[in-house]
């Protein structure tokens, strides 16, 4: 009987470890393409810098997930009109905390892998919020801000967005 209990205990530990290691760990991390700096403290993330073009601010993340009780705060200048953010890492964004931005900026969050908003998710921004699973945002001058890696097109523009591009295999 001791052998069976020991074997069952070992099997239980293996199962618990597998579930823990496959779980999504909330985090916000830069993909180092657009000068985005993320400072983490417990479950709070301060998002700084990025690439500014006129009154638009561009950020790029490899992961963007916020746990319950956590927050992601865009530390943008108050004269910014639009914050364009993309997630390039291929993982779903699990958002169950607060997203904050300064001033009256509109916030665009682009993640082709998907987004799940939990019951504790909240927005504290002065403008509109657009969360999309599109591959890119297309601007009036023809340029695209793409979340699909390997795109060699220009990234930044000063014109207004005219649409979201879903790609050929949209779901």
C-alpha atoms as a PDB file:
ATOM      1  CA  UNK A   1       0.000   0.000   0.000  1.00  0.00           C
ATOM      2  CA  UNK A   2       2.906   2.376   0.695  1.00  0.00           C
ATOM      3  CA  UNK A   3       4.191   1.920  -2.850  1.00  0.00           C
ATOM      4  CA  UNK A   4       0.810   2.828  -4.343  1.00  0.00           C
ATOM      5  CA  UNK A   5       0.475   5.939  -2.136  1.00  0.00           C
ATOM      6  CA  UNK A   6       4.031   7.042  -2.997  1.00  0.00           C
ATOM      7  CA  UNK A   7       3.440   6.524  -6.726  1.00  0.00           C
ATOM      8  CA  UNK A   8       0.163   8.438  -6.516  1.00  0.00           C
ATOM      9  CA  UNK A   9       1.888  11.296  -4.664  1.00  0.00           C
ATOM     10  CA  UNK A  10       4.631  11.551  -7.282  1.00  0.00           C
ATOM     11  CA  UNK A  11       2.034  11.532 -10.074  1.00  0.00           C
ATOM     12  CA  UNK A  12       0.117  14.331  -8.286  1.00  0.00           C
ATOM     13  CA  UNK A  13       3.241  16.489  -7.995  1.00  0.00           C
ATOM     14  CA  UNK A  14       3.994  15.986 -11.703  1.00  0.00           C
ATOM     15  CA  UNK A  15       0.440  16.996 -12.670  1.00  0.00           C
ATOM     16  CA  UNK A  16       0.492  20.103 -10.469  1.00  0.00           C
ATOM     17  CA  UNK A  17       3.873  21.121 -11.914  1.00  0.00           C
ATOM     18  CA  UNK A  18       2.622  20.663 -15.470  1.00  0.00           C
ATOM     19  CA  UNK A  19      -0.458  22.806 -14.842  1.00  0.00           C
ATOM     20  CA  UNK A  20       1.591  25.533 -13.136  1.00  0.00           C
ATOM     21  CA  UNK A  21       4.205  25.639 -15.894  1.00  0.00           C
ATOM     22  CA  UNK A  22       1.569  25.801 -18.651  1.00  0.00           C
ATOM     23  CA  UNK A  23      -0.382  28.584 -16.962  1.00  0.00           C
ATOM     24  CA  UNK A  24      -0.261  32.105 -18.282  1.00  0.00           C
ATOM     25  CA  UNK A  25       1.907  34.360 -16.177  1.00  0.00           C
ATOM     26  CA  UNK A  26       0.788  37.934 -16.460  1.00  0.00           C
ATOM     27  CA  UNK A  27       3.385  40.352 -17.680  1.00  0.00           C
ATOM     28  CA  UNK A  28       4.019  43.287 -19.939  1.00  0.00           C
ATOM     29  CA  UNK A  29       7.321  43.135 -21.814  1.00  0.00           C
ATOM     30  CA  UNK A  30       8.761  45.211 -24.644  1.00  0.00           C
ATOM     31  CA  UNK A  31       9.878  43.489 -27.843  1.00  0.00           C
ATOM     32  CA  UNK A  32      12.698  46.083 -28.173  1.00  0.00           C
ATOM     33  CA  UNK A  33      11.634  47.396 -31.587  1.00  0.00           C
ATOM     34  CA  UNK A  34      10.157  50.846 -30.813  1.00  0.00           C
ATOM     35  CA  UNK A  35      12.091  52.197 -27.824  1.00  0.00           C
ATOM     36  CA  UNK A  36       9.323  51.035 -25.471  1.00  0.00           C
ATOM     37  CA  UNK A  37      10.541  50.754 -21.880  1.00  0.00           C
ATOM     38  CA  UNK A  38       8.550  48.755 -19.324  1.00  0.00           C
ATOM     39  CA  UNK A  39       9.314  49.102 -15.618  1.00  0.00           C
ATOM     40  CA  UNK A  40       7.722  46.388 -13.479  1.00  0.00           C
ATOM     41  CA  UNK A  41       6.946  46.550  -9.778  1.00  0.00           C
ATOM     42  CA  UNK A  42       4.942  43.614  -8.410  1.00  0.00           C
ATOM     43  CA  UNK A  43       1.934  43.434 -10.761  1.00  0.00           C
ATOM     44  CA  UNK A  44       2.158  47.050 -11.951  1.00  0.00           C
ATOM     45  CA  UNK A  45       3.833  48.068 -15.194  1.00  0.00           C
ATOM     46  CA  UNK A  46       4.926  51.608 -16.101  1.00  0.00           C
ATOM     47  CA  UNK A  47       5.168  51.970 -19.889  1.00  0.00           C
ATOM     48  CA  UNK A  48       7.533  54.731 -20.960  1.00  0.00           C
ATOM     49  CA  UNK A  49       9.184  56.231 -24.026  1.00  0.00           C
ATOM     50  CA  UNK A  50       8.093  54.457 -27.222  1.00  0.00           C
ATOM     51  CA  UNK A  51       8.445  56.153 -30.600  1.00  0.00           C
ATOM     52  CA  UNK A  52       6.706  59.480 -31.084  1.00  0.00           C
ATOM     53  CA  UNK A  53       5.629  60.750 -34.513  1.00  0.00           C
ATOM     54  CA  UNK A  54       3.796  64.060 -34.288  1.00  0.00           C
ATOM     55  CA  UNK A  55       1.001  63.597 -31.754  1.00  0.00           C
ATOM     56  CA  UNK A  56       1.036  59.796 -32.128  1.00  0.00           C
ATOM     57  CA  UNK A  57       2.939  57.440 -29.829  1.00  0.00           C
ATOM     58  CA  UNK A  58       3.851  53.902 -30.885  1.00  0.00           C
ATOM     59  CA  UNK A  59       4.628  50.985 -28.545  1.00  0.00           C
ATOM     60  CA  UNK A  60       5.518  47.372 -29.257  1.00  0.00           C
ATOM     61  CA  UNK A  61       5.297  44.485 -26.796  1.00  0.00           C
ATOM     62  CA  UNK A  62       6.237  40.827 -26.936  1.00  0.00           C
ATOM     63  CA  UNK A  63       3.660  40.149 -24.182  1.00  0.00           C
ATOM     64  CA  UNK A  64       0.847  42.240 -22.740  1.00  0.00           C
ATOM     65  CA  UNK A  65      -1.081  40.601 -19.883  1.00  0.00           C
ATOM     66  CA  UNK A  66      -2.236  42.208 -16.635  1.00  0.00           C
ATOM     67  CA  UNK A  67      -3.290  40.187 -13.564  1.00  0.00           C
ATOM     68  CA  UNK A  68      -6.202  40.976 -11.271  1.00  0.00           C
ATOM     69  CA  UNK A  69      -5.186  43.844  -9.012  1.00  0.00           C
ATOM     70  CA  UNK A  70      -2.392  44.853 -11.396  1.00  0.00           C
ATOM     71  CA  UNK A  71      -2.088  47.737 -13.823  1.00  0.00           C
ATOM     72  CA  UNK A  72      -0.370  48.890 -16.996  1.00  0.00           C
ATOM     73  CA  UNK A  73       0.128  52.660 -17.105  1.00  0.00           C
ATOM     74  CA  UNK A  74       1.133  54.445 -20.288  1.00  0.00           C
ATOM     75  CA  UNK A  75       3.232  57.428 -19.159  1.00  0.00           C
ATOM     76  CA  UNK A  76       2.546  59.493 -22.268  1.00  0.00           C
ATOM     77  CA  UNK A  77       2.784  63.277 -22.635  1.00  0.00           C
ATOM     78  CA  UNK A  78      -0.656  64.876 -22.303  1.00  0.00           C
ATOM     79  CA  UNK A  79      -0.517  66.309 -25.844  1.00  0.00           C
ATOM     80  CA  UNK A  80      -0.467  62.800 -27.371  1.00  0.00           C
ATOM     81  CA  UNK A  81      -3.677  62.164 -29.357  1.00  0.00           C
ATOM     82  CA  UNK A  82      -3.226  58.457 -30.174  1.00  0.00           C
ATOM     83  CA  UNK A  83      -1.288  55.623 -28.570  1.00  0.00           C
ATOM     84  CA  UNK A  84      -0.806  52.721 -30.974  1.00  0.00           C
ATOM     85  CA  UNK A  85       0.295  49.484 -29.257  1.00  0.00           C
ATOM     86  CA  UNK A  86       0.954  46.086 -30.754  1.00  0.00           C
ATOM     87  CA  UNK A  87       1.688  42.660 -29.268  1.00  0.00           C
ATOM     88  CA  UNK A  88       4.052  40.626 -31.439  1.00  0.00           C
ATOM     89  CA  UNK A  89       4.858  37.593 -29.276  1.00  0.00           C
ATOM     90  CA  UNK A  90       2.071  35.299 -30.479  1.00  0.00           C
ATOM     91  CA  UNK A  91       0.414  34.864 -27.065  1.00  0.00           C
ATOM     92  CA  UNK A  92      -3.095  35.835 -26.008  1.00  0.00           C
ATOM     93  CA  UNK A  93      -3.308  38.957 -23.817  1.00  0.00           C
ATOM     94  CA  UNK A  94      -5.079  38.150 -20.536  1.00  0.00           C
ATOM     95  CA  UNK A  95      -6.224  41.465 -19.087  1.00  0.00           C
ATOM     96  CA  UNK A  96      -7.817  41.400 -15.642  1.00  0.00           C
ATOM     97  CA  UNK A  97      -6.382  44.641 -14.235  1.00  0.00           C
ATOM     98  CA  UNK A  98      -6.353  48.352 -15.061  1.00  0.00           C
ATOM     99  CA  UNK A  99      -5.057  50.060 -18.195  1.00  0.00           C
ATOM    100  CA  UNK A 100      -4.208  53.743 -17.672  1.00  0.00           C
ATOM    101  CA  UNK A 101      -3.117  56.583 -19.959  1.00  0.00           C
ATOM    102  CA  UNK A 102      -2.562  60.315 -19.454  1.00  0.00           C
ATOM    103  CA  UNK A 103      -4.567  63.154 -20.987  1.00  0.00           C
ATOM    104  CA  UNK A 104      -7.200  62.551 -23.647  1.00  0.00           C
ATOM    105  CA  UNK A 105      -5.276  60.034 -25.775  1.00  0.00           C
ATOM    106  CA  UNK A 106      -7.062  57.315 -27.710  1.00  0.00           C
ATOM    107  CA  UNK A 107      -5.557  53.876 -27.087  1.00  0.00           C
ATOM    108  CA  UNK A 108      -5.287  51.214 -29.782  1.00  0.00           C
ATOM    109  CA  UNK A 109      -4.251  47.708 -28.628  1.00  0.00           C
ATOM    110  CA  UNK A 110      -3.492  45.256 -31.424  1.00  0.00           C
ATOM    111  CA  UNK A 111      -2.906  41.543 -30.744  1.00  0.00           C
ATOM    112  CA  UNK A 112      -3.553  39.048 -33.572  1.00  0.00           C
ATOM    113  CA  UNK A 113      -3.261  36.171 -31.064  1.00  0.00           C
ATOM    114  CA  UNK A 114      -6.309  37.441 -29.155  1.00  0.00           C
ATOM    115  CA  UNK A 115      -7.362  39.220 -25.976  1.00  0.00           C
ATOM    116  CA  UNK A 116      -9.343  38.041 -22.979  1.00  0.00           C
ATOM    117  CA  UNK A 117     -10.741  40.677 -20.633  1.00  0.00           C
ATOM    118  CA  UNK A 118     -11.510  39.402 -17.136  1.00  0.00           C
ATOM    119  CA  UNK A 119     -14.195  40.624 -14.755  1.00  0.00           C
ATOM    120  CA  UNK A 120     -11.691  42.955 -13.021  1.00  0.00           C
ATOM    121  CA  UNK A 121     -10.424  44.632 -16.205  1.00  0.00           C
ATOM    122  CA  UNK A 122     -10.824  48.410 -16.292  1.00  0.00           C
ATOM    123  CA  UNK A 123      -9.832  51.425 -18.372  1.00  0.00           C
ATOM    124  CA  UNK A 124      -8.728  54.799 -17.078  1.00  0.00           C
ATOM    125  CA  UNK A 125      -8.042  56.713 -20.284  1.00  0.00           C
ATOM    126  CA  UNK A 126      -9.292  60.082 -21.513  1.00  0.00           C
ATOM    127  CA  UNK A 127     -10.092  59.014 -25.088  1.00  0.00           C
ATOM    128  CA  UNK A 128     -11.481  56.000 -26.891  1.00  0.00           C
ATOM    129  CA  UNK A 129     -10.217  52.421 -26.616  1.00  0.00           C
ATOM    130  CA  UNK A 130      -9.935  50.043 -29.542  1.00  0.00           C
ATOM    131  CA  UNK A 131      -8.809  46.494 -28.819  1.00  0.00           C
ATOM    132  CA  UNK A 132      -8.496  44.298 -31.894  1.00  0.00           C
ATOM    133  CA  UNK A 133      -7.159  40.966 -33.109  1.00  0.00           C
ATOM    134  CA  UNK A 134      -6.362  42.434 -36.532  1.00  0.00           C
ATOM    135  CA  UNK A 135      -2.864  41.924 -37.951  1.00  0.00           C
ATOM    136  CA  UNK A 136      -2.277  45.625 -38.557  1.00  0.00           C
ATOM    137  CA  UNK A 137      -3.687  49.142 -38.606  1.00  0.00           C
ATOM    138  CA  UNK A 138      -3.689  50.773 -42.024  1.00  0.00           C
ATOM    139  CA  UNK A 139      -3.194  54.525 -42.360  1.00  0.00           C
ATOM    140  CA  UNK A 140      -4.448  56.941 -45.024  1.00  0.00           C
ATOM    141  CA  UNK A 141      -0.969  57.237 -46.595  1.00  0.00           C
ATOM    142  CA  UNK A 142      -0.863  53.466 -47.184  1.00  0.00           C
ATOM    143  CA  UNK A 143       1.548  52.560 -44.382  1.00  0.00           C
ATOM    144  CA  UNK A 144       0.656  49.874 -41.853  1.00  0.00           C
ATOM    145  CA  UNK A 145       1.483  49.401 -38.191  1.00  0.00           C
ATOM    146  CA  UNK A 146       1.747  45.625 -38.142  1.00  0.00           C
ATOM    147  CA  UNK A 147       1.868  43.128 -35.281  1.00  0.00           C
ATOM    148  CA  UNK A 148       2.968  40.351 -37.615  1.00  0.00           C
ATOM    149  CA  UNK A 149       6.711  39.826 -37.331  1.00  0.00           C
ATOM    150  CA  UNK A 150       8.815  39.913 -40.444  1.00  0.00           C
ATOM    151  CA  UNK A 151       6.988  42.810 -42.085  1.00  0.00           C
ATOM    152  CA  UNK A 152       9.544  45.122 -43.711  1.00  0.00           C
ATOM    153  CA  UNK A 153       7.165  48.018 -44.428  1.00  0.00           C
ATOM    154  CA  UNK A 154       7.538  51.419 -42.762  1.00  0.00           C
ATOM    155  CA  UNK A 155       6.135  51.302 -39.239  1.00  0.00           C
ATOM    156  CA  UNK A 156       5.242  54.864 -38.408  1.00  0.00           C
ATOM    157  CA  UNK A 157       3.052  57.529 -39.909  1.00  0.00           C
ATOM    158  CA  UNK A 158       1.407  60.828 -39.049  1.00  0.00           C
ATOM    159  CA  UNK A 159      -1.850  60.278 -40.963  1.00  0.00           C
ATOM    160  CA  UNK A 160      -5.135  59.048 -39.523  1.00  0.00           C
ATOM    161  CA  UNK A 161      -5.950  55.337 -39.377  1.00  0.00           C
ATOM    162  CA  UNK A 162      -8.487  54.222 -41.971  1.00  0.00           C
ATOM    163  CA  UNK A 163      -8.958  50.574 -41.100  1.00  0.00           C
ATOM    164  CA  UNK A 164      -7.915  47.366 -39.439  1.00  0.00           C
ATOM    165  CA  UNK A 165      -6.376  44.668 -41.610  1.00  0.00           C
ATOM    166  CA  UNK A 166      -7.358  41.136 -40.628  1.00  0.00           C
ATOM    167  CA  UNK A 167      -5.036  39.247 -43.015  1.00  0.00           C
ATOM    168  CA  UNK A 168      -5.891  36.333 -45.274  1.00  0.00           C
ATOM    169  CA  UNK A 169      -6.555  33.769 -42.501  1.00  0.00           C
ATOM    170  CA  UNK A 170      -8.751  35.791 -40.138  1.00  0.00           C
ATOM    171  CA  UNK A 171     -11.001  33.870 -37.763  1.00  0.00           C
END
